Amino acid sequence: MMILNKSDLADPALTKQWLKVLERPRVKAVAVDTLKGEGLKEVPKAATGLVAEQMAKLAAKGRRPRAIRCMVLGIPNVGKSSFINRLVGRKATKTGDLPGVTKGQQWIRTEGSLELLDTPGILWPKFEDPEVGYKLAVTGAIKEQVFDVYEVALKLLCWLAETNPARVKERYKLPELSQDIPRLLADIGARRGMLVSGGVVDELKAAHLILKEFREGTLGRYTLDMPSANK
């Protein structure tokens, strides 16, 4: 089962396309908004459907149905622990808005027929495609200590200015968007009063702001990977 968590931050039209691309025989795809609880009721149903054949075989042998055991696996900071807590209806695991909060494995029982194994986030040891590393950095899957926050924020801001310039102008109250992206970042920092001695803009602080507001959905709902590229 593939859970598309944080669906509230993604482009809803592209999420529908992703669900069609990902779902196939013996694989279910479910979009979930953990904050509002949307999509969560579909998870137990999908799990039950995936193991229906095995459960039927057990019943035919006269054996009692057993709990469906699921490992919750994913990259860091995609909301695995929050998803589990919302699904079980209590704070069963520790959560946070930074990668690496979950340190070990833990089994959690739900009130229904599911048993969930919370696991630490995992990442590939090396990214052959720099674009993959960039997207993981932008979404918060990689700790900010290991990448250039300023450069990543510049690339993201360039994309946002091309994709949704009206929203960038509105959010930061800019009369115009500079075509020079470092200048645009400085304009945003100035509008937010991010100044150091001499009235110079603290560009790193402005870069952190762009990443933070993108991850929170303040700048809009975006999907970085297009479904057509993965069919």
Protein backbone atom coordinates (compact mmCIF):
# COMPACT_ATOMS: atom_id res chain seq x y z
CA MET A 1 0.00 0.00 0.00
CA MET A 2 1.32 3.43 -0.96
CA ILE A 3 0.25 6.32 1.28
CA LEU A 4 0.47 9.81 -0.26
CA ASN A 5 0.66 11.73 2.99
CA LYS A 6 0.47 15.52 3.33
CA SER A 7 -1.95 15.61 0.42
CA ASP A 8 -3.08 19.01 1.71
CA LEU A 9 0.26 20.42 0.51
CA ALA A 10 0.14 18.85 -2.96
CA ASP A 11 -1.61 19.89 -6.16
CA PRO A 12 -4.98 18.04 -5.88
CA ALA A 13 -5.28 17.45 -9.63
CA LEU A 14 -1.82 15.88 -9.79
CA THR A 15 -2.54 13.80 -6.69
CA LYS A 16 -5.48 12.21 -8.54
CA GLN A 17 -3.18 11.44 -11.44
CA TRP A 18 -0.56 9.93 -9.13
CA LEU A 19 -3.17 7.66 -7.54
CA LYS A 20 -4.06 6.29 -10.98
CA VAL A 21 -0.39 5.79 -11.88
CA LEU A 22 0.56 4.06 -8.63
CA GLU A 23 -2.43 1.76 -8.21
CA ARG A 24 -2.20 -1.60 -9.93
CA PRO A 25 -3.07 -5.25 -9.15
CA ARG A 26 -2.17 -6.06 -5.52
CA VAL A 27 -1.06 -2.46 -4.90
CA LYS A 28 -3.34 0.16 -3.35
CA ALA A 29 -2.68 3.90 -3.31
CA VAL A 30 -4.36 6.23 -0.82
CA ALA A 31 -4.04 10.01 -0.44
CA VAL A 32 -4.06 11.15 3.19
CA ASP A 33 -4.23 14.49 4.98
CA THR A 34 -3.10 13.60 8.49
CA LEU A 35 -3.98 17.02 9.94
CA LYS A 36 -7.64 16.85 8.91
CA GLY A 37 -7.92 13.07 8.93
CA GLU A 38 -8.97 12.92 5.29
CA GLY A 39 -8.34 9.57 3.62
CA LEU A 40 -7.54 7.72 6.85
CA LYS A 41 -10.71 5.62 6.76
CA GLU A 42 -9.59 4.22 3.42
CA VAL A 43 -6.39 2.76 4.88
CA PRO A 44 -7.91 -0.14 6.89
CA LYS A 45 -10.23 -0.91 3.98
CA ALA A 46 -7.34 -1.04 1.55
CA ALA A 47 -5.27 -3.21 3.90
CA THR A 48 -8.16 -5.62 4.35
CA GLY A 49 -8.61 -5.86 0.60
CA LEU A 50 -4.93 -6.63 0.05
CA VAL A 51 -4.97 -9.59 2.45
CA ALA A 52 -8.48 -10.87 1.67
CA GLU A 53 -7.15 -13.92 -0.18
CA GLN A 54 -4.82 -14.92 2.67
CA MET A 55 -7.55 -14.42 5.26
CA ALA A 56 -9.94 -16.57 3.23
CA LYS A 57 -7.38 -19.39 3.16
CA LEU A 58 -6.96 -19.20 6.93
CA ALA A 59 -10.73 -19.29 7.42
CA ALA A 60 -11.01 -22.31 5.12
CA LYS A 61 -8.56 -24.13 7.38
CA GLY A 62 -10.61 -23.24 10.43
CA ARG A 63 -8.07 -20.79 11.76
CA ARG A 64 -9.08 -17.54 13.42
CA PRO A 65 -8.38 -14.28 11.56
CA ARG A 66 -5.30 -12.49 12.82
CA ALA A 67 -4.28 -8.85 12.87
CA ILE A 68 -2.92 -7.32 9.68
CA ARG A 69 0.66 -6.34 10.39
CA CYS A 70 2.02 -3.40 8.41
CA MET A 71 5.46 -1.83 8.37
CA VAL A 72 5.25 1.95 7.90
CA LEU A 73 8.23 2.75 5.74
CA GLY A 74 9.30 5.99 4.06
CA ILE A 75 11.83 8.77 3.74
CA PRO A 76 12.40 11.14 6.69
CA ASN A 77 9.90 13.83 7.62
CA VAL A 78 6.96 12.64 5.50
CA GLY A 79 4.73 12.34 8.57
CA LYS A 80 4.89 8.61 9.26
CA SER A 81 4.54 9.00 13.03
CA SER A 82 1.78 11.61 12.70
CA PHE A 83 -0.04 9.30 10.32
CA ILE A 84 0.17 6.44 12.84
CA ASN A 85 -0.98 8.62 15.74
CA ARG A 86 -4.00 9.86 13.80
CA LEU A 87 -4.86 6.36 12.62
CA VAL A 88 -4.77 4.88 16.13
CA GLY A 89 -6.45 7.91 17.70
CA ARG A 90 -3.76 8.67 20.28
CA LYS A 91 -0.19 9.89 20.59
CA ALA A 92 1.57 6.56 20.29
CA THR A 93 4.77 7.85 18.68
CA LYS A 94 6.95 10.94 18.93
CA THR A 95 6.56 13.48 16.13
CA GLY A 96 8.42 16.57 14.92
CA ASP A 97 8.83 18.85 11.91
CA LEU A 98 12.45 17.83 11.31
CA PRO A 99 13.86 14.58 9.85
CA GLY A 100 15.23 11.95 12.22
CA VAL A 101 12.72 12.18 15.09
CA THR A 102 11.96 8.43 15.08
CA LYS A 103 15.07 6.57 16.27
CA GLY A 104 13.91 2.95 16.54
CA GLN A 105 11.16 0.49 15.66
CA GLN A 106 7.93 0.26 17.60
CA TRP A 107 4.75 -1.81 17.18
CA ILE A 108 1.47 0.03 17.68
CA ARG A 109 -1.94 -1.59 17.78
CA THR A 110 -5.03 0.13 16.42
CA GLU A 111 -8.54 -0.43 17.71
CA GLY A 112 -9.31 -2.31 14.50
CA SER A 113 -7.48 -5.15 12.80
CA LEU A 114 -4.21 -3.36 12.08
CA GLU A 115 -0.85 -3.55 13.84
CA LEU A 116 1.60 -0.90 12.65
CA LEU A 117 5.39 -0.90 12.88
CA ASP A 118 6.78 2.62 13.10
CA THR A 119 10.28 2.84 11.65
CA PRO A 120 12.95 5.55 11.25
CA GLY A 121 13.04 7.33 7.91
CA ILE A 122 15.35 5.85 5.29
CA LEU A 123 17.22 7.43 2.38
CA TRP A 124 19.43 6.18 -0.40
CA PRO A 125 23.13 6.41 0.55
CA LYS A 126 23.84 8.47 -2.57
CA PHE A 127 21.76 10.43 -5.09
CA GLU A 128 22.94 9.95 -8.66
CA ASP A 129 20.51 12.63 -9.86
CA PRO A 130 21.14 16.04 -8.20
CA GLU A 131 17.49 16.92 -8.89
CA VAL A 132 16.39 14.17 -6.51
CA GLY A 133 18.59 15.58 -3.76
CA TYR A 134 17.23 19.07 -4.42
CA LYS A 135 13.60 17.96 -4.12
CA LEU A 136 14.29 16.03 -0.92
CA ALA A 137 16.04 19.08 0.53
CA VAL A 138 13.16 21.37 -0.44
CA THR A 139 10.55 19.14 1.21
CA GLY A 140 12.54 18.74 4.44
CA ALA A 141 13.60 15.11 4.08
CA ILE A 142 17.27 16.06 4.45
CA LYS A 143 18.71 17.92 7.42
CA GLU A 144 19.59 21.50 6.54
CA GLN A 145 23.08 21.05 7.98
CA VAL A 146 24.08 18.89 5.00
CA PHE A 147 23.07 21.12 2.06
CA ASP A 148 23.46 24.73 0.98
CA VAL A 149 20.24 26.34 2.22
CA TYR A 150 20.84 29.54 0.26
CA GLU A 151 21.38 27.80 -3.10
CA VAL A 152 18.42 25.45 -2.62
CA ALA A 153 16.17 28.36 -1.67
CA LEU A 154 17.27 30.30 -4.75
CA LYS A 155 16.40 27.40 -7.04
CA LEU A 156 13.05 26.93 -5.33
CA LEU A 157 12.25 30.65 -5.51
CA CYS A 158 13.11 30.68 -9.21
CA TRP A 159 10.66 27.82 -9.80
CA LEU A 160 7.96 29.46 -7.68
CA ALA A 161 8.36 32.78 -9.51
CA GLU A 162 7.87 30.96 -12.83
CA THR A 163 5.09 28.64 -11.64
CA ASN A 164 2.97 30.99 -9.53
CA PRO A 165 4.32 34.56 -9.68
CA ALA A 166 1.03 36.08 -8.50
CA ARG A 167 1.18 34.13 -5.25
CA VAL A 168 4.78 35.14 -4.57
CA LYS A 169 3.92 38.80 -5.17
CA GLU A 170 0.86 38.57 -2.94
CA ARG A 171 2.54 36.70 -0.11
CA TYR A 172 5.51 39.05 0.17
CA LYS A 173 3.69 42.22 -0.92
CA LEU A 174 6.03 42.93 -3.82
CA PRO A 175 4.94 45.32 -6.59
CA GLU A 176 7.08 43.41 -9.10
CA LEU A 177 9.21 40.27 -9.13
CA SER A 178 12.83 40.83 -10.02
CA GLN A 179 14.12 38.55 -12.77
CA ASP A 180 17.37 38.38 -10.81
CA ILE A 181 16.57 35.65 -8.25
CA PRO A 182 19.19 36.64 -5.64
CA ARG A 183 17.78 40.18 -5.89
CA LEU A 184 14.25 38.78 -5.51
CA LEU A 185 15.28 36.87 -2.38
CA ALA A 186 16.83 40.05 -0.99
CA ASP A 187 13.61 41.97 -1.77
CA ILE A 188 11.63 39.40 0.20
CA GLY A 189 14.04 39.61 3.10
CA ALA A 190 13.81 43.40 3.09
CA ARG A 191 10.02 43.33 3.07
CA ARG A 192 10.11 41.05 6.09
CA GLY A 193 12.59 43.24 7.94
CA MET A 194 15.37 40.66 7.89
CA LEU A 195 18.17 43.19 8.18
CA VAL A 196 21.55 43.16 9.87
CA SER A 197 23.95 46.01 10.65
CA GLY A 198 24.05 48.66 7.97
CA GLY A 199 20.61 47.77 6.63
CA VAL A 200 21.94 44.75 4.73
CA VAL A 201 19.49 41.89 4.16
CA ASP A 202 20.21 38.65 6.02
CA GLU A 203 19.98 36.46 2.92
CA LEU A 204 20.35 33.18 4.79
CA LYS A 205 17.44 34.07 7.06
CA ALA A 206 15.37 34.93 4.00
CA ALA A 207 16.33 31.58 2.45
CA HIS A 208 15.14 29.74 5.55
CA LEU A 209 11.86 31.66 5.32
CA ILE A 210 11.24 30.54 1.73
CA LEU A 211 11.85 26.89 2.58
CA LYS A 212 9.73 27.05 5.72
CA GLU A 213 6.73 28.67 4.04
CA PHE A 214 6.93 26.31 1.07
CA ARG A 215 6.91 23.27 3.39
CA GLU A 216 3.98 24.65 5.36
CA GLY A 217 1.90 25.25 2.24
CA THR A 218 1.79 29.01 2.81
CA LEU A 219 3.01 29.63 -0.74
CA GLY A 220 0.43 27.30 -2.28
CA ARG A 221 -0.07 23.62 -3.06
CA TYR A 222 2.62 22.14 -5.29
CA THR A 223 3.71 18.75 -6.60
CA LEU A 224 7.37 18.55 -7.64
CA ASP A 225 7.25 15.27 -9.57
CA MET A 226 4.97 14.89 -12.57
CA PRO A 227 3.06 11.57 -12.88
CA SER A 228 3.77 11.28 -16.62
CA ALA A 229 7.48 10.88 -15.92
CA ASN A 230 6.86 7.72 -13.86
CA LYS A 231 4.29 5.80 -15.93
